[in-house]
């Protein structure tokens, strides 16, 4: 019995890194330059979280690659610095 040929995937079904970066930039522009949450990005870009994580380790990585601001622009504060500041 012959094996069925695999179905071709379209860019919409399997977006690559460049396509996701372009979508992130477009949504940022469309939403008035404000920060877009992961849920909002997935809904508006019509891509699942799973598909996004196939290309990027995190949503923050996607935003950095796209050159867009993250929700926490200063990044993570190291634990030892926090402990020193607390006394």
PDB file of N, CA and C in Angstrom:
ATOM      1  N   UNK A   1       0.844  -1.176   0.000  1.00  0.00           N
ATOM      2  CA  UNK A   1       0.000   0.000   0.000  1.00  0.00           C
ATOM      3  C   UNK A   1       0.892   1.242   0.000  1.00  0.00           C
ATOM      4  N   UNK A   2       0.670   2.171  -0.917  1.00  0.00           N
ATOM      5  CA  UNK A   2       1.510   3.370  -0.982  1.00  0.00           C
ATOM      6  C   UNK A   2       1.232   4.299   0.205  1.00  0.00           C
ATOM      7  N   UNK A   3       2.276   4.954   0.651  1.00  0.00           N
ATOM      8  CA  UNK A   3       2.088   5.914   1.741  1.00  0.00           C
ATOM      9  C   UNK A   3       1.562   7.221   1.177  1.00  0.00           C
ATOM     10  N   UNK A   4       0.636   7.838   1.878  1.00  0.00           N
ATOM     11  CA  UNK A   4       0.084   9.099   1.369  1.00  0.00           C
ATOM     12  C   UNK A   4       1.149  10.199   1.397  1.00  0.00           C
ATOM     13  N   UNK A   5       1.088  11.057   0.421  1.00  0.00           N
ATOM     14  CA  UNK A   5       2.046  12.168   0.373  1.00  0.00           C
ATOM     15  C   UNK A   5       1.661  13.209   1.425  1.00  0.00           C
ATOM     16  N   UNK A   6       2.654  13.824   2.052  1.00  0.00           N
ATOM     17  CA  UNK A   6       2.342  14.826   3.064  1.00  0.00           C
ATOM     18  C   UNK A   6       1.688  16.045   2.428  1.00  0.00           C
ATOM     19  N   UNK A   7       0.766  16.623   3.176  1.00  0.00           N
ATOM     20  CA  UNK A   7       0.095  17.827   2.688  1.00  0.00           C
ATOM     21  C   UNK A   7       1.046  19.001   2.744  1.00  0.00           C
ATOM     22  N   UNK A   8       0.966  19.858   1.773  1.00  0.00           N
ATOM     23  CA  UNK A   8       1.783  21.061   1.783  1.00  0.00           C
ATOM     24  C   UNK A   8       1.221  22.019   2.829  1.00  0.00           C
ATOM     25  N   UNK A   9       2.117  22.638   3.564  1.00  0.00           N
ATOM     26  CA  UNK A   9       1.707  23.618   4.564  1.00  0.00           C
ATOM     27  C   UNK A   9       1.843  25.012   3.969  1.00  0.00           C
ATOM     28  N   UNK A  10       0.866  25.814   4.233  1.00  0.00           N
ATOM     29  CA  UNK A  10       0.926  27.194   3.770  1.00  0.00           C
ATOM     30  C   UNK A  10       1.593  28.038   4.834  1.00  0.00           C
ATOM     31  N   UNK A  11       1.966  29.260   4.480  1.00  0.00           N
ATOM     32  CA  UNK A  11       2.600  30.165   5.443  1.00  0.00           C
ATOM     33  C   UNK A  11       1.654  30.453   6.608  1.00  0.00           C
ATOM     34  N   UNK A  12       0.369  30.429   6.339  1.00  0.00           N
ATOM     35  CA  UNK A  12      -0.593  30.702   7.408  1.00  0.00           C
ATOM     36  C   UNK A  12      -0.656  29.540   8.392  1.00  0.00           C
ATOM     37  N   UNK A  13      -0.489  28.323   7.933  1.00  0.00           N
ATOM     38  CA  UNK A  13      -0.545  27.161   8.803  1.00  0.00           C
ATOM     39  C   UNK A  13       0.757  26.979   9.572  1.00  0.00           C
ATOM     40  N   UNK A  14       1.875  27.361   8.989  1.00  0.00           N
ATOM     41  CA  UNK A  14       3.165  27.138   9.621  1.00  0.00           C
ATOM     42  C   UNK A  14       4.046  28.374   9.437  1.00  0.00           C
ATOM     43  N   UNK A  15       3.756  29.432  10.181  1.00  0.00           N
ATOM     44  CA  UNK A  15       4.519  30.661   9.979  1.00  0.00           C
ATOM     45  C   UNK A  15       5.968  30.496  10.433  1.00  0.00           C
ATOM     46  N   UNK A  16       6.874  31.095   9.705  1.00  0.00           N
ATOM     47  CA  UNK A  16       8.270  31.035  10.101  1.00  0.00           C
ATOM     48  C   UNK A  16       8.621  32.270  10.928  1.00  0.00           C
ATOM     49  N   UNK A  17       9.858  32.336  11.376  1.00  0.00           N
ATOM     50  CA  UNK A  17      10.290  33.443  12.238  1.00  0.00           C
ATOM     51  C   UNK A  17      10.078  34.808  11.578  1.00  0.00           C
ATOM     52  N   UNK A  18      10.476  34.928  10.324  1.00  0.00           N
ATOM     53  CA  UNK A  18      10.348  36.215   9.636  1.00  0.00           C
ATOM     54  C   UNK A  18       8.894  36.644   9.509  1.00  0.00           C
ATOM     55  N   UNK A  19       8.005  35.696   9.232  1.00  0.00           N
ATOM     56  CA  UNK A  19       6.590  36.021   9.094  1.00  0.00           C
ATOM     57  C   UNK A  19       6.010  36.475  10.439  1.00  0.00           C
ATOM     58  N   UNK A  20       6.394  35.810  11.527  1.00  0.00           N
ATOM     59  CA  UNK A  20       5.897  36.209  12.849  1.00  0.00           C
ATOM     60  C   UNK A  20       6.430  37.577  13.256  1.00  0.00           C
ATOM     61  N   UNK A  21       7.685  37.852  12.929  1.00  0.00           N
ATOM     62  CA  UNK A  21       8.258  39.165  13.230  1.00  0.00           C
ATOM     63  C   UNK A  21       7.515  40.247  12.452  1.00  0.00           C
ATOM     64  N   UNK A  22       7.235  39.983  11.185  1.00  0.00           N
ATOM     65  CA  UNK A  22       6.490  40.945  10.362  1.00  0.00           C
ATOM     66  C   UNK A  22       5.087  41.161  10.922  1.00  0.00           C
ATOM     67  N   UNK A  23       4.430  40.085  11.364  1.00  0.00           N
ATOM     68  CA  UNK A  23       3.090  40.220  11.947  1.00  0.00           C
ATOM     69  C   UNK A  23       3.135  41.028  13.236  1.00  0.00           C
ATOM     70  N   UNK A  24       4.150  40.798  14.070  1.00  0.00           N
ATOM     71  CA  UNK A  24       4.280  41.532  15.325  1.00  0.00           C
ATOM     72  C   UNK A  24       4.464  43.026  15.054  1.00  0.00           C
ATOM     73  N   UNK A  25       5.305  43.363  14.088  1.00  0.00           N
ATOM     74  CA  UNK A  25       5.522  44.769  13.750  1.00  0.00           C
ATOM     75  C   UNK A  25       4.243  45.404  13.217  1.00  0.00           C
ATOM     76  N   UNK A  26       3.525  44.677  12.365  1.00  0.00           N
ATOM     77  CA  UNK A  26       2.277  45.194  11.797  1.00  0.00           C
ATOM     78  C   UNK A  26       1.232  45.419  12.890  1.00  0.00           C
ATOM     79  N   UNK A  27       1.097  44.478  13.806  1.00  0.00           N
ATOM     80  CA  UNK A  27       0.130  44.642  14.903  1.00  0.00           C
ATOM     81  C   UNK A  27       0.520  45.803  15.804  1.00  0.00           C
ATOM     82  N   UNK A  28       1.791  45.960  16.065  1.00  0.00           N
ATOM     83  CA  UNK A  28       2.261  47.082  16.878  1.00  0.00           C
ATOM     84  C   UNK A  28       1.870  48.398  16.218  1.00  0.00           C
ATOM     85  N   UNK A  29       2.038  48.473  14.912  1.00  0.00           N
ATOM     86  CA  UNK A  29       1.675  49.674  14.162  1.00  0.00           C
ATOM     87  C   UNK A  29       0.156  49.870  14.168  1.00  0.00           C
ATOM     88  N   UNK A  30      -0.597  48.788  13.924  1.00  0.00           N
ATOM     89  CA  UNK A  30      -2.064  48.871  13.880  1.00  0.00           C
ATOM     90  C   UNK A  30      -2.679  49.221  15.225  1.00  0.00           C
ATOM     91  N   UNK A  31      -2.059  48.798  16.309  1.00  0.00           N
ATOM     92  CA  UNK A  31      -2.611  49.024  17.649  1.00  0.00           C
ATOM     93  C   UNK A  31      -2.140  50.341  18.249  1.00  0.00           C
ATOM     94  N   UNK A  32      -1.638  51.228  17.444  1.00  0.00           N
ATOM     95  CA  UNK A  32      -1.257  52.548  17.920  1.00  0.00           C
ATOM     96  C   UNK A  32       0.005  52.575  18.750  1.00  0.00           C
ATOM     97  N   UNK A  33       0.985  51.747  18.392  1.00  0.00           N
ATOM     98  CA  UNK A  33       2.300  51.724  19.027  1.00  0.00           C
ATOM     99  C   UNK A  33       2.259  51.301  20.495  1.00  0.00           C
ATOM    100  N   UNK A  34       1.169  50.709  20.950  1.00  0.00           N
ATOM    101  CA  UNK A  34       1.114  50.259  22.343  1.00  0.00           C
ATOM    102  C   UNK A  34       1.558  48.808  22.443  1.00  0.00           C
ATOM    103  N   UNK A  35       1.863  48.371  23.669  1.00  0.00           N
ATOM    104  CA  UNK A  35       2.296  46.999  23.909  1.00  0.00           C
ATOM    105  C   UNK A  35       1.130  46.052  23.643  1.00  0.00           C
ATOM    106  N   UNK A  36       1.380  44.955  22.955  1.00  0.00           N
ATOM    107  CA  UNK A  36       0.362  43.955  22.619  1.00  0.00           C
ATOM    108  C   UNK A  36       0.660  42.691  23.417  1.00  0.00           C
ATOM    109  N   UNK A  37      -0.335  42.200  24.165  1.00  0.00           N
ATOM    110  CA  UNK A  37      -0.129  41.000  24.974  1.00  0.00           C
ATOM    111  C   UNK A  37      -0.011  39.765  24.082  1.00  0.00           C
ATOM    112  N   UNK A  38       0.481  38.677  24.669  1.00  0.00           N
ATOM    113  CA  UNK A  38       0.608  37.425  23.922  1.00  0.00           C
ATOM    114  C   UNK A  38      -0.752  36.940  23.451  1.00  0.00           C
ATOM    115  N   UNK A  39      -1.756  36.971  24.323  1.00  0.00           N
ATOM    116  CA  UNK A  39      -3.097  36.539  23.926  1.00  0.00           C
ATOM    117  C   UNK A  39      -3.634  37.380  22.773  1.00  0.00           C
ATOM    118  N   UNK A  40      -3.438  38.677  22.873  1.00  0.00           N
ATOM    119  CA  UNK A  40      -3.903  39.578  21.822  1.00  0.00           C
ATOM    120  C   UNK A  40      -3.139  39.330  20.521  1.00  0.00           C
ATOM    121  N   UNK A  41      -1.828  39.120  20.621  1.00  0.00           N
ATOM    122  CA  UNK A  41      -1.024  38.842  19.434  1.00  0.00           C
ATOM    123  C   UNK A  41      -1.530  37.587  18.731  1.00  0.00           C
ATOM    124  N   UNK A  42      -1.723  36.500  19.506  1.00  0.00           N
ATOM    125  CA  UNK A  42      -2.172  35.235  18.904  1.00  0.00           C
ATOM    126  C   UNK A  42      -3.536  35.383  18.248  1.00  0.00           C
ATOM    127  N   UNK A  43      -4.425  36.122  18.903  1.00  0.00           N
ATOM    128  CA  UNK A  43      -5.770  36.308  18.355  1.00  0.00           C
ATOM    129  C   UNK A  43      -5.735  37.142  17.071  1.00  0.00           C
ATOM    130  N   UNK A  44      -5.045  38.269  17.105  1.00  0.00           N
ATOM    131  CA  UNK A  44      -5.024  39.163  15.949  1.00  0.00           C
ATOM    132  C   UNK A  44      -4.165  38.648  14.801  1.00  0.00           C
ATOM    133  N   UNK A  45      -3.074  37.958  15.126  1.00  0.00           N
ATOM    134  CA  UNK A  45      -2.193  37.419  14.084  1.00  0.00           C
ATOM    135  C   UNK A  45      -2.704  36.082  13.559  1.00  0.00           C
ATOM    136  N   UNK A  46      -3.714  35.542  14.231  1.00  0.00           N
ATOM    137  CA  UNK A  46      -4.317  34.263  13.851  1.00  0.00           C
ATOM    138  C   UNK A  46      -3.273  33.141  13.840  1.00  0.00           C
ATOM    139  N   UNK A  47      -2.532  33.090  14.944  1.00  0.00           N
ATOM    140  CA  UNK A  47      -1.517  32.062  15.121  1.00  0.00           C
ATOM    141  C   UNK A  47      -1.638  31.528  16.547  1.00  0.00           C
ATOM    142  N   UNK A  48      -1.416  30.249  16.733  1.00  0.00           N
ATOM    143  CA  UNK A  48      -1.530  29.665  18.068  1.00  0.00           C
ATOM    144  C   UNK A  48      -0.254  29.897  18.868  1.00  0.00           C
ATOM    145  N   UNK A  49      -0.374  29.797  20.180  1.00  0.00           N
ATOM    146  CA  UNK A  49       0.807  29.902  21.037  1.00  0.00           C
ATOM    147  C   UNK A  49       1.810  28.808  20.681  1.00  0.00           C
ATOM    148  N   UNK A  50       1.278  27.636  20.390  1.00  0.00           N
ATOM    149  CA  UNK A  50       2.142  26.504  20.037  1.00  0.00           C
ATOM    150  C   UNK A  50       2.995  26.846  18.819  1.00  0.00           C
ATOM    151  N   UNK A  51       2.390  27.402  17.789  1.00  0.00           N
ATOM    152  CA  UNK A  51       3.129  27.764  16.571  1.00  0.00           C
ATOM    153  C   UNK A  51       4.176  28.830  16.871  1.00  0.00           C
ATOM    154  N   UNK A  52       3.817  29.785  17.750  1.00  0.00           N
ATOM    155  CA  UNK A  52       4.758  30.832  18.110  1.00  0.00           C
ATOM    156  C   UNK A  52       5.962  30.228  18.838  1.00  0.00           C
ATOM    157  N   UNK A  53       5.706  29.255  19.741  1.00  0.00           N
ATOM    158  CA  UNK A  53       6.805  28.661  20.499  1.00  0.00           C
ATOM    159  C   UNK A  53       7.643  27.696  19.664  1.00  0.00           C
ATOM    160  N   UNK A  54       7.164  27.297  18.502  1.00  0.00           N
ATOM    161  CA  UNK A  54       8.001  26.495  17.604  1.00  0.00           C
ATOM    162  C   UNK A  54       9.128  27.346  17.017  1.00  0.00           C
ATOM    163  N   UNK A  55       8.876  28.640  16.899  1.00  0.00           N
ATOM    164  CA  UNK A  55       9.863  29.541  16.311  1.00  0.00           C
ATOM    165  C   UNK A  55      10.656  30.330  17.345  1.00  0.00           C
ATOM    166  N   UNK A  56      10.059  30.606  18.501  1.00  0.00           N
ATOM    167  CA  UNK A  56      10.698  31.427  19.527  1.00  0.00           C
ATOM    168  C   UNK A  56      10.563  30.748  20.882  1.00  0.00           C
ATOM    169  N   UNK A  57      11.548  30.957  21.748  1.00  0.00           N
ATOM    170  CA  UNK A  57      11.493  30.390  23.092  1.00  0.00           C
ATOM    171  C   UNK A  57      10.440  31.066  23.951  1.00  0.00           C
ATOM    172  N   UNK A  58      10.171  32.347  23.673  1.00  0.00           N
ATOM    173  CA  UNK A  58       9.186  33.094  24.456  1.00  0.00           C
ATOM    174  C   UNK A  58       8.631  34.235  23.612  1.00  0.00           C
ATOM    175  N   UNK A  59       7.568  34.821  24.110  1.00  0.00           N
ATOM    176  CA  UNK A  59       6.987  35.982  23.444  1.00  0.00           C
ATOM    177  C   UNK A  59       7.954  37.164  23.528  1.00  0.00           C
ATOM    178  N   UNK A  60       8.662  37.268  24.651  1.00  0.00           N
ATOM    179  CA  UNK A  60       9.652  38.327  24.807  1.00  0.00           C
ATOM    180  C   UNK A  60      10.745  38.257  23.754  1.00  0.00           C
ATOM    181  N   UNK A  61      11.148  37.032  23.419  1.00  0.00           N
ATOM    182  CA  UNK A  61      12.160  36.859  22.374  1.00  0.00           C
ATOM    183  C   UNK A  61      11.629  37.357  21.032  1.00  0.00           C
ATOM    184  N   UNK A  62      10.377  37.054  20.731  1.00  0.00           N
ATOM    185  CA  UNK A  62       9.763  37.547  19.489  1.00  0.00           C
ATOM    186  C   UNK A  62       9.771  39.069  19.466  1.00  0.00           C
ATOM    187  N   UNK A  63       9.393  39.695  20.582  1.00  0.00           N
ATOM    188  CA  UNK A  63       9.381  41.158  20.636  1.00  0.00           C
ATOM    189  C   UNK A  63      10.789  41.731  20.461  1.00  0.00           C
ATOM    190  N   UNK A  64      11.791  41.121  21.098  1.00  0.00           N
ATOM    191  CA  UNK A  64      13.173  41.595  20.950  1.00  0.00           C
ATOM    192  C   UNK A  64      13.641  41.471  19.504  1.00  0.00           C
ATOM    193  N   UNK A  65      13.364  40.340  18.881  1.00  0.00           N
ATOM    194  CA  UNK A  65      13.775  40.122  17.484  1.00  0.00           C
ATOM    195  C   UNK A  65      13.105  41.131  16.551  1.00  0.00           C
ATOM    196  N   UNK A  66      11.868  41.523  16.898  1.00  0.00           N
ATOM    197  CA  UNK A  66      11.130  42.477  16.071  1.00  0.00           C
ATOM    198  C   UNK A  66      11.523  43.922  16.384  1.00  0.00           C
ATOM    199  N   UNK A  67      12.308  44.121  17.457  1.00  0.00           N
ATOM    200  CA  UNK A  67      12.702  45.469  17.840  1.00  0.00           C
ATOM    201  C   UNK A  67      11.581  46.243  18.499  1.00  0.00           C
ATOM    202  N   UNK A  68      10.654  45.532  19.126  1.00  0.00           N
ATOM    203  CA  UNK A  68       9.502  46.165  19.763  1.00  0.00           C
ATOM    204  C   UNK A  68       9.694  46.215  21.272  1.00  0.00           C
ATOM    205  N   UNK A  69       9.029  47.168  21.930  1.00  0.00           N
ATOM    206  CA  UNK A  69       9.166  47.260  23.383  1.00  0.00           C
ATOM    207  C   UNK A  69       8.461  46.104  24.076  1.00  0.00           C
ATOM    208  N   UNK A  70       9.075  45.618  25.147  1.00  0.00           N
ATOM    209  CA  UNK A  70       8.418  44.589  25.948  1.00  0.00           C
ATOM    210  C   UNK A  70       7.648  45.277  27.064  1.00  0.00           C
ATOM    211  N   UNK A  71       6.851  44.524  27.749  1.00  0.00           N
ATOM    212  CA  UNK A  71       6.061  45.107  28.834  1.00  0.00           C
ATOM    213  C   UNK A  71       6.975  45.577  29.961  1.00  0.00           C
ATOM    214  N   UNK A  72       8.054  44.865  30.163  1.00  0.00           N
ATOM    215  CA  UNK A  72       9.026  45.208  31.207  1.00  0.00           C
ATOM    216  C   UNK A  72      10.328  45.622  30.522  1.00  0.00           C
ATOM    217  N   UNK A  73      10.457  46.893  30.151  1.00  0.00           N
ATOM    218  CA  UNK A  73      11.599  47.316  29.346  1.00  0.00           C
ATOM    219  C   UNK A  73      12.961  47.144  30.016  1.00  0.00           C
ATOM    220  N   UNK A  74      13.024  47.124  31.341  1.00  0.00           N
ATOM    221  CA  UNK A  74      14.309  47.011  32.014  1.00  0.00           C
ATOM    222  C   UNK A  74      14.746  45.569  32.205  1.00  0.00           C
ATOM    223  N   UNK A  75      13.899  44.633  31.903  1.00  0.00           N
ATOM    224  CA  UNK A  75      14.245  43.225  32.039  1.00  0.00           C
ATOM    225  C   UNK A  75      14.164  42.739  33.479  1.00  0.00           C
ATOM    226  N   UNK A  76      14.704  41.577  33.724  1.00  0.00           N
ATOM    227  CA  UNK A  76      14.660  40.952  35.040  1.00  0.00           C
ATOM    228  C   UNK A  76      15.789  41.493  35.909  1.00  0.00           C
ATOM    229  N   UNK A  77      15.464  41.786  37.173  1.00  0.00           N
ATOM    230  CA  UNK A  77      16.469  42.257  38.120  1.00  0.00           C
ATOM    231  C   UNK A  77      17.072  41.039  38.804  1.00  0.00           C
ATOM    232  N   UNK A  78      18.392  40.933  38.841  1.00  0.00           N
ATOM    233  CA  UNK A  78      19.022  39.777  39.489  1.00  0.00           C
ATOM    234  C   UNK A  78      18.626  39.666  40.964  1.00  0.00           C
ATOM    235  N   UNK A  79      18.510  38.431  41.450  1.00  0.00           N
ATOM    236  CA  UNK A  79      18.070  38.187  42.833  1.00  0.00           C
ATOM    237  C   UNK A  79      18.987  38.840  43.853  1.00  0.00           C
ATOM    238  N   UNK A  80      20.306  38.749  43.658  1.00  0.00           N
ATOM    239  CA  UNK A  80      21.216  39.330  44.648  1.00  0.00           C
ATOM    240  C   UNK A  80      21.073  40.844  44.740  1.00  0.00           C
ATOM    241  N   UNK A  81      20.777  41.491  43.634  1.00  0.00           N
ATOM    242  CA  UNK A  81      20.542  42.932  43.650  1.00  0.00           C
ATOM    243  C   UNK A  81      19.258  43.262  44.419  1.00  0.00           C
ATOM    244  N   UNK A  82      18.234  42.479  44.238  1.00  0.00           N
ATOM    245  CA  UNK A  82      16.984  42.673  44.991  1.00  0.00           C
ATOM    246  C   UNK A  82      17.207  42.499  46.486  1.00  0.00           C
ATOM    247  N   UNK A  83      17.963  41.478  46.847  1.00  0.00           N
ATOM    248  CA  UNK A  83      18.223  41.209  48.262  1.00  0.00           C
ATOM    249  C   UNK A  83      19.018  42.362  48.906  1.00  0.00           C
ATOM    250  N   UNK A  84      19.992  42.906  48.185  1.00  0.00           N
ATOM    251  CA  UNK A  84      20.762  44.044  48.699  1.00  0.00           C
ATOM    252  C   UNK A  84      19.847  45.256  48.889  1.00  0.00           C
ATOM    253  N   UNK A  85      18.951  45.482  47.934  1.00  0.00           N
ATOM    254  CA  UNK A  85      18.056  46.648  48.012  1.00  0.00           C
ATOM    255  C   UNK A  85      17.059  46.524  49.153  1.00  0.00           C
ATOM    256  N   UNK A  86      16.699  45.270  49.506  1.00  0.00           N
ATOM    257  CA  UNK A  86      15.727  45.048  50.583  1.00  0.00           C
ATOM    258  C   UNK A  86      16.383  45.171  51.967  1.00  0.00           C
ATOM    259  N   UNK A  87      17.675  45.193  52.017  1.00  0.00           N
ATOM    260  CA  UNK A  87      18.312  45.449  53.294  1.00  0.00           C
ATOM    261  C   UNK A  87      19.080  44.328  53.787  1.00  0.00           C
TER     262      UNK A  87
END
